[in-house]
Structures are given as structure tokens and as C-alpha cells.
Amino acid sequence: MNDLCKIDAVMPPDEEICDLADFFKVFGDSSRLKVLWALHHGELCVSHLAEHLGMSVPAVSHQLKILRQGHLVRTRREGKNIYYSPADDHVKKILDLGMEHMNE
């Protein structure tokens, strides 16, 4: 089997590559990265995130909407408050690996 056949055998379909590119685009904003980083230290509501990050509540809400659409955060309602947390351990691993790469 030549090298091109090997590449073709492991190359995901174009649709999956596009989906992966969209996934990584979500990480391409420093405000969203700050939100994700903060959420790895505990579940927080929008107002607490805004306070800790020095952002407005509407700005944080906007970033959380994008993170929810990307399936990177999940929500839990308690009374009138909605609490946010990472969707799963993969999100933290991605951030940790990115930071590790930057620090090399």
C-alpha cells in the first residue's frame, strides 16, 4: 500500500473535518476560553462568571450561548438561577493540552 492509499484510508470524510473545524472555532475567542477556564474550577451562574471575569452579564451570556451550541457546557437550573459547568472531561483535557503546548 503506498503512502497516498494509507492517508486515504484514515482521512475522515469532509463533513467530519468541517465539523471539527467548527468545533475548534469555538475555542478561538479569549472570552470563551476565560469562561471555560473559570468553569473548570466550579459550577457558576452568569452573574458570578461576569463578576469574576470582569465582563458584563450580557457578554457572558452571549459566550455561554455559543459554548452551549458547541456542546462544551451544560446547564443546571436551581430556582431562578442557571448554573453552568463543562459538558464533560474532554473540555478540560483540550484546555490543558493547549496550555501545555503553549508552555513548551
N, C-alpha and C. Protein backbone atom coordinates (compact mmCIF):
# COMPACT_ATOMS: atom_id res chain seq x y z
N MET A 1 0.85 -1.18 0.00
CA MET A 1 0.00 0.00 0.00
C MET A 1 0.89 1.24 0.00
N ASN A 2 0.68 2.15 -0.95
CA ASN A 2 1.51 3.35 -0.99
C ASN A 2 1.02 4.38 0.03
N ASP A 3 1.83 5.42 0.22
CA ASP A 3 1.53 6.42 1.25
C ASP A 3 0.20 7.12 1.02
N LEU A 4 -0.16 7.41 -0.23
CA LEU A 4 -1.43 8.08 -0.51
C LEU A 4 -2.62 7.19 -0.15
N CYS A 5 -2.52 5.92 -0.39
CA CYS A 5 -3.60 5.00 -0.02
C CYS A 5 -3.75 4.93 1.50
N LYS A 6 -2.62 4.99 2.21
CA LYS A 6 -2.66 4.97 3.67
C LYS A 6 -3.38 6.22 4.19
N ILE A 7 -3.08 7.36 3.59
CA ILE A 7 -3.73 8.61 4.01
C ILE A 7 -5.22 8.54 3.72
N ASP A 8 -5.58 8.10 2.54
CA ASP A 8 -7.00 7.98 2.19
C ASP A 8 -7.74 7.05 3.14
N ALA A 9 -7.07 6.01 3.62
CA ALA A 9 -7.70 5.03 4.50
C ALA A 9 -8.04 5.61 5.87
N VAL A 10 -7.29 6.60 6.32
CA VAL A 10 -7.51 7.16 7.65
C VAL A 10 -8.15 8.55 7.64
N MET A 11 -8.28 9.16 6.48
CA MET A 11 -8.82 10.51 6.38
C MET A 11 -10.32 10.50 6.64
N PRO A 12 -10.78 11.31 7.62
CA PRO A 12 -12.23 11.39 7.87
C PRO A 12 -12.92 12.05 6.67
N PRO A 13 -14.22 11.83 6.54
CA PRO A 13 -14.98 12.47 5.47
C PRO A 13 -14.95 14.00 5.62
N ASP A 14 -15.12 14.70 4.52
CA ASP A 14 -15.09 16.17 4.53
C ASP A 14 -16.05 16.76 5.55
N GLU A 15 -17.23 16.18 5.67
CA GLU A 15 -18.22 16.71 6.62
C GLU A 15 -17.69 16.66 8.05
N GLU A 16 -17.00 15.58 8.40
CA GLU A 16 -16.44 15.47 9.75
C GLU A 16 -15.30 16.47 9.95
N ILE A 17 -14.51 16.69 8.92
CA ILE A 17 -13.43 17.69 9.01
C ILE A 17 -14.02 19.08 9.21
N CYS A 18 -15.09 19.40 8.50
CA CYS A 18 -15.76 20.70 8.67
C CYS A 18 -16.33 20.84 10.07
N ASP A 19 -16.93 19.78 10.59
CA ASP A 19 -17.47 19.80 11.95
C ASP A 19 -16.35 20.02 12.97
N LEU A 20 -15.22 19.39 12.75
CA LEU A 20 -14.07 19.55 13.66
C LEU A 20 -13.55 20.99 13.59
N ALA A 21 -13.50 21.56 12.41
CA ALA A 21 -13.06 22.95 12.26
C ALA A 21 -14.00 23.88 13.01
N ASP A 22 -15.31 23.64 12.90
CA ASP A 22 -16.28 24.46 13.63
C ASP A 22 -16.10 24.30 15.14
N PHE A 23 -15.82 23.09 15.58
CA PHE A 23 -15.57 22.82 16.99
C PHE A 23 -14.40 23.66 17.49
N PHE A 24 -13.30 23.67 16.75
CA PHE A 24 -12.12 24.41 17.18
C PHE A 24 -12.33 25.92 17.07
N LYS A 25 -13.20 26.38 16.21
CA LYS A 25 -13.51 27.81 16.12
C LYS A 25 -14.07 28.33 17.44
N VAL A 26 -14.83 27.49 18.13
CA VAL A 26 -15.41 27.90 19.41
C VAL A 26 -14.30 28.25 20.40
N PHE A 27 -13.17 27.59 20.31
CA PHE A 27 -12.04 27.86 21.20
C PHE A 27 -11.23 29.08 20.75
N GLY A 28 -11.61 29.68 19.64
CA GLY A 28 -10.83 30.77 19.06
C GLY A 28 -11.15 32.15 19.62
N ASP A 29 -11.78 32.23 20.76
CA ASP A 29 -12.14 33.51 21.35
C ASP A 29 -11.66 33.54 22.80
N SER A 30 -10.90 34.57 23.16
CA SER A 30 -10.32 34.62 24.50
C SER A 30 -11.40 34.72 25.59
N SER A 31 -12.51 35.39 25.31
CA SER A 31 -13.58 35.48 26.30
C SER A 31 -14.18 34.10 26.58
N ARG A 32 -14.38 33.32 25.54
CA ARG A 32 -14.92 31.97 25.74
C ARG A 32 -13.92 31.09 26.50
N LEU A 33 -12.64 31.26 26.20
CA LEU A 33 -11.62 30.49 26.92
C LEU A 33 -11.61 30.86 28.40
N LYS A 34 -11.78 32.13 28.71
CA LYS A 34 -11.84 32.55 30.11
C LYS A 34 -13.04 31.92 30.81
N VAL A 35 -14.18 31.91 30.13
CA VAL A 35 -15.38 31.31 30.71
C VAL A 35 -15.14 29.83 30.97
N LEU A 36 -14.60 29.12 29.97
CA LEU A 36 -14.34 27.69 30.15
C LEU A 36 -13.35 27.44 31.28
N TRP A 37 -12.32 28.25 31.34
CA TRP A 37 -11.30 28.08 32.37
C TRP A 37 -11.93 28.28 33.75
N ALA A 38 -12.75 29.30 33.89
CA ALA A 38 -13.40 29.57 35.18
C ALA A 38 -14.32 28.42 35.57
N LEU A 39 -15.01 27.85 34.61
CA LEU A 39 -15.95 26.77 34.91
C LEU A 39 -15.25 25.49 35.36
N HIS A 40 -13.99 25.35 35.04
CA HIS A 40 -13.27 24.16 35.48
C HIS A 40 -12.93 24.21 36.95
N HIS A 41 -13.16 25.36 37.54
CA HIS A 41 -12.90 25.50 38.98
C HIS A 41 -14.19 25.44 39.77
N GLY A 42 -15.28 25.18 39.10
CA GLY A 42 -16.56 25.02 39.79
C GLY A 42 -17.72 25.53 38.95
N GLU A 43 -18.86 25.02 39.27
CA GLU A 43 -20.10 25.41 38.61
C GLU A 43 -20.44 26.85 39.00
N LEU A 44 -20.80 27.66 38.01
CA LEU A 44 -21.09 29.07 38.27
C LEU A 44 -22.31 29.53 37.48
N CYS A 45 -22.98 30.55 38.02
CA CYS A 45 -24.07 31.19 37.28
C CYS A 45 -23.50 32.37 36.50
N VAL A 46 -24.31 32.94 35.62
CA VAL A 46 -23.85 34.03 34.74
C VAL A 46 -23.33 35.21 35.55
N SER A 47 -24.07 35.61 36.58
CA SER A 47 -23.65 36.80 37.33
C SER A 47 -22.31 36.58 38.03
N HIS A 48 -22.08 35.38 38.57
CA HIS A 48 -20.79 35.11 39.21
C HIS A 48 -19.66 35.05 38.19
N LEU A 49 -19.93 34.46 37.03
CA LEU A 49 -18.92 34.46 35.96
C LEU A 49 -18.57 35.89 35.56
N ALA A 50 -19.59 36.71 35.36
CA ALA A 50 -19.36 38.10 34.94
C ALA A 50 -18.53 38.84 35.98
N GLU A 51 -18.86 38.65 37.24
CA GLU A 51 -18.12 39.31 38.32
C GLU A 51 -16.67 38.87 38.35
N HIS A 52 -16.43 37.57 38.30
CA HIS A 52 -15.06 37.04 38.39
C HIS A 52 -14.22 37.37 37.16
N LEU A 53 -14.86 37.48 36.00
CA LEU A 53 -14.11 37.71 34.77
C LEU A 53 -14.06 39.18 34.37
N GLY A 54 -14.75 40.04 35.10
CA GLY A 54 -14.77 41.46 34.76
C GLY A 54 -15.48 41.74 33.44
N MET A 55 -16.50 40.96 33.18
CA MET A 55 -17.28 41.11 31.94
C MET A 55 -18.71 41.46 32.31
N SER A 56 -19.45 41.98 31.35
CA SER A 56 -20.86 42.27 31.59
C SER A 56 -21.66 40.97 31.53
N VAL A 57 -22.82 40.98 32.18
CA VAL A 57 -23.69 39.81 32.15
C VAL A 57 -24.12 39.48 30.71
N PRO A 58 -24.52 40.48 29.89
CA PRO A 58 -24.87 40.14 28.51
C PRO A 58 -23.72 39.54 27.72
N ALA A 59 -22.49 40.01 27.95
CA ALA A 59 -21.33 39.47 27.24
C ALA A 59 -21.09 38.02 27.63
N VAL A 60 -21.19 37.72 28.92
CA VAL A 60 -21.01 36.34 29.38
C VAL A 60 -22.12 35.45 28.83
N SER A 61 -23.36 35.95 28.87
CA SER A 61 -24.49 35.18 28.35
C SER A 61 -24.29 34.84 26.88
N HIS A 62 -23.78 35.79 26.12
CA HIS A 62 -23.53 35.57 24.69
C HIS A 62 -22.50 34.45 24.50
N GLN A 63 -21.41 34.51 25.26
CA GLN A 63 -20.38 33.49 25.14
C GLN A 63 -20.90 32.12 25.58
N LEU A 64 -21.70 32.09 26.63
CA LEU A 64 -22.27 30.82 27.08
C LEU A 64 -23.21 30.23 26.04
N LYS A 65 -23.94 31.08 25.34
CA LYS A 65 -24.82 30.59 24.27
C LYS A 65 -24.01 29.86 23.21
N ILE A 66 -22.90 30.44 22.82
CA ILE A 66 -22.03 29.82 21.81
C ILE A 66 -21.44 28.52 22.35
N LEU A 67 -21.04 28.52 23.61
CA LEU A 67 -20.47 27.31 24.22
C LEU A 67 -21.52 26.21 24.35
N ARG A 68 -22.76 26.59 24.65
CA ARG A 68 -23.84 25.60 24.70
C ARG A 68 -24.10 25.02 23.32
N GLN A 69 -24.13 25.88 22.31
CA GLN A 69 -24.35 25.40 20.93
C GLN A 69 -23.25 24.46 20.49
N GLY A 70 -22.04 24.68 21.00
CA GLY A 70 -20.91 23.81 20.68
C GLY A 70 -20.82 22.58 21.58
N HIS A 71 -21.79 22.42 22.45
CA HIS A 71 -21.86 21.28 23.38
C HIS A 71 -20.64 21.23 24.30
N LEU A 72 -20.15 22.40 24.70
CA LEU A 72 -18.98 22.47 25.57
C LEU A 72 -19.35 22.75 27.02
N VAL A 73 -20.56 23.27 27.26
CA VAL A 73 -21.03 23.48 28.63
C VAL A 73 -22.42 22.88 28.77
N ARG A 74 -22.75 22.56 30.01
CA ARG A 74 -24.10 22.07 30.31
C ARG A 74 -24.68 22.98 31.38
N THR A 75 -25.99 22.89 31.55
CA THR A 75 -26.68 23.75 32.50
C THR A 75 -27.44 22.93 33.53
N ARG A 76 -27.66 23.59 34.66
CA ARG A 76 -28.48 23.02 35.72
C ARG A 76 -29.25 24.18 36.33
N ARG A 77 -30.58 24.03 36.40
CA ARG A 77 -31.41 25.08 36.96
C ARG A 77 -31.66 24.82 38.45
N GLU A 78 -31.52 25.90 39.22
CA GLU A 78 -31.84 25.86 40.64
C GLU A 78 -32.65 27.12 40.95
N GLY A 79 -33.95 26.96 41.08
CA GLY A 79 -34.81 28.12 41.25
C GLY A 79 -34.75 28.99 40.01
N LYS A 80 -34.43 30.27 40.20
CA LYS A 80 -34.33 31.19 39.07
C LYS A 80 -32.94 31.19 38.43
N ASN A 81 -31.99 30.58 39.10
CA ASN A 81 -30.61 30.59 38.61
C ASN A 81 -30.31 29.39 37.72
N ILE A 82 -29.51 29.65 36.71
CA ILE A 82 -28.99 28.58 35.86
C ILE A 82 -27.49 28.50 36.10
N TYR A 83 -27.03 27.33 36.44
CA TYR A 83 -25.61 27.11 36.70
C TYR A 83 -24.98 26.39 35.52
N TYR A 84 -23.76 26.79 35.22
CA TYR A 84 -23.04 26.26 34.07
C TYR A 84 -21.82 25.47 34.54
N SER A 85 -21.52 24.43 33.80
CA SER A 85 -20.33 23.62 34.06
C SER A 85 -19.87 23.03 32.73
N PRO A 86 -18.62 22.55 32.67
CA PRO A 86 -18.14 21.92 31.43
C PRO A 86 -19.02 20.71 31.09
N ALA A 87 -19.21 20.49 29.82
CA ALA A 87 -20.06 19.39 29.37
C ALA A 87 -19.48 18.03 29.76
N ASP A 88 -18.17 17.91 29.74
CA ASP A 88 -17.52 16.66 30.12
C ASP A 88 -16.03 16.90 30.34
N ASP A 89 -15.32 15.85 30.70
CA ASP A 89 -13.88 15.97 30.99
C ASP A 89 -13.05 16.30 29.75
N HIS A 90 -13.58 16.05 28.57
CA HIS A 90 -12.83 16.33 27.35
C HIS A 90 -12.51 17.81 27.23
N VAL A 91 -13.41 18.66 27.68
CA VAL A 91 -13.20 20.11 27.56
C VAL A 91 -11.97 20.51 28.36
N LYS A 92 -11.87 20.04 29.59
CA LYS A 92 -10.70 20.36 30.41
C LYS A 92 -9.44 19.79 29.79
N LYS A 93 -9.50 18.58 29.26
CA LYS A 93 -8.32 17.97 28.63
C LYS A 93 -7.85 18.81 27.45
N ILE A 94 -8.79 19.30 26.65
CA ILE A 94 -8.43 20.13 25.49
C ILE A 94 -7.73 21.41 25.96
N LEU A 95 -8.30 22.06 26.98
CA LEU A 95 -7.68 23.28 27.50
C LEU A 95 -6.31 22.99 28.10
N ASP A 96 -6.22 21.92 28.88
CA ASP A 96 -4.94 21.57 29.49
C ASP A 96 -3.87 21.25 28.45
N LEU A 97 -4.25 20.50 27.42
CA LEU A 97 -3.29 20.18 26.35
C LEU A 97 -2.86 21.43 25.59
N GLY A 98 -3.81 22.32 25.34
CA GLY A 98 -3.47 23.58 24.67
C GLY A 98 -2.50 24.40 25.48
N MET A 99 -2.74 24.50 26.79
CA MET A 99 -1.86 25.26 27.67
C MET A 99 -0.49 24.60 27.76
N GLU A 100 -0.49 23.27 27.85
CA GLU A 100 0.79 22.54 27.89
C GLU A 100 1.60 22.81 26.63
N HIS A 101 0.92 22.79 25.48
CA HIS A 101 1.60 23.06 24.22
C HIS A 101 2.17 24.48 24.20
N MET A 102 1.40 25.44 24.71
CA MET A 102 1.86 26.83 24.72
C MET A 102 3.07 27.03 25.63
N ASN A 103 3.15 26.24 26.69
CA ASN A 103 4.22 26.40 27.67
C ASN A 103 5.49 25.63 27.32
N GLU A 104 5.48 24.90 26.20
CA GLU A 104 6.69 24.15 25.80
C GLU A 104 7.68 25.06 25.13
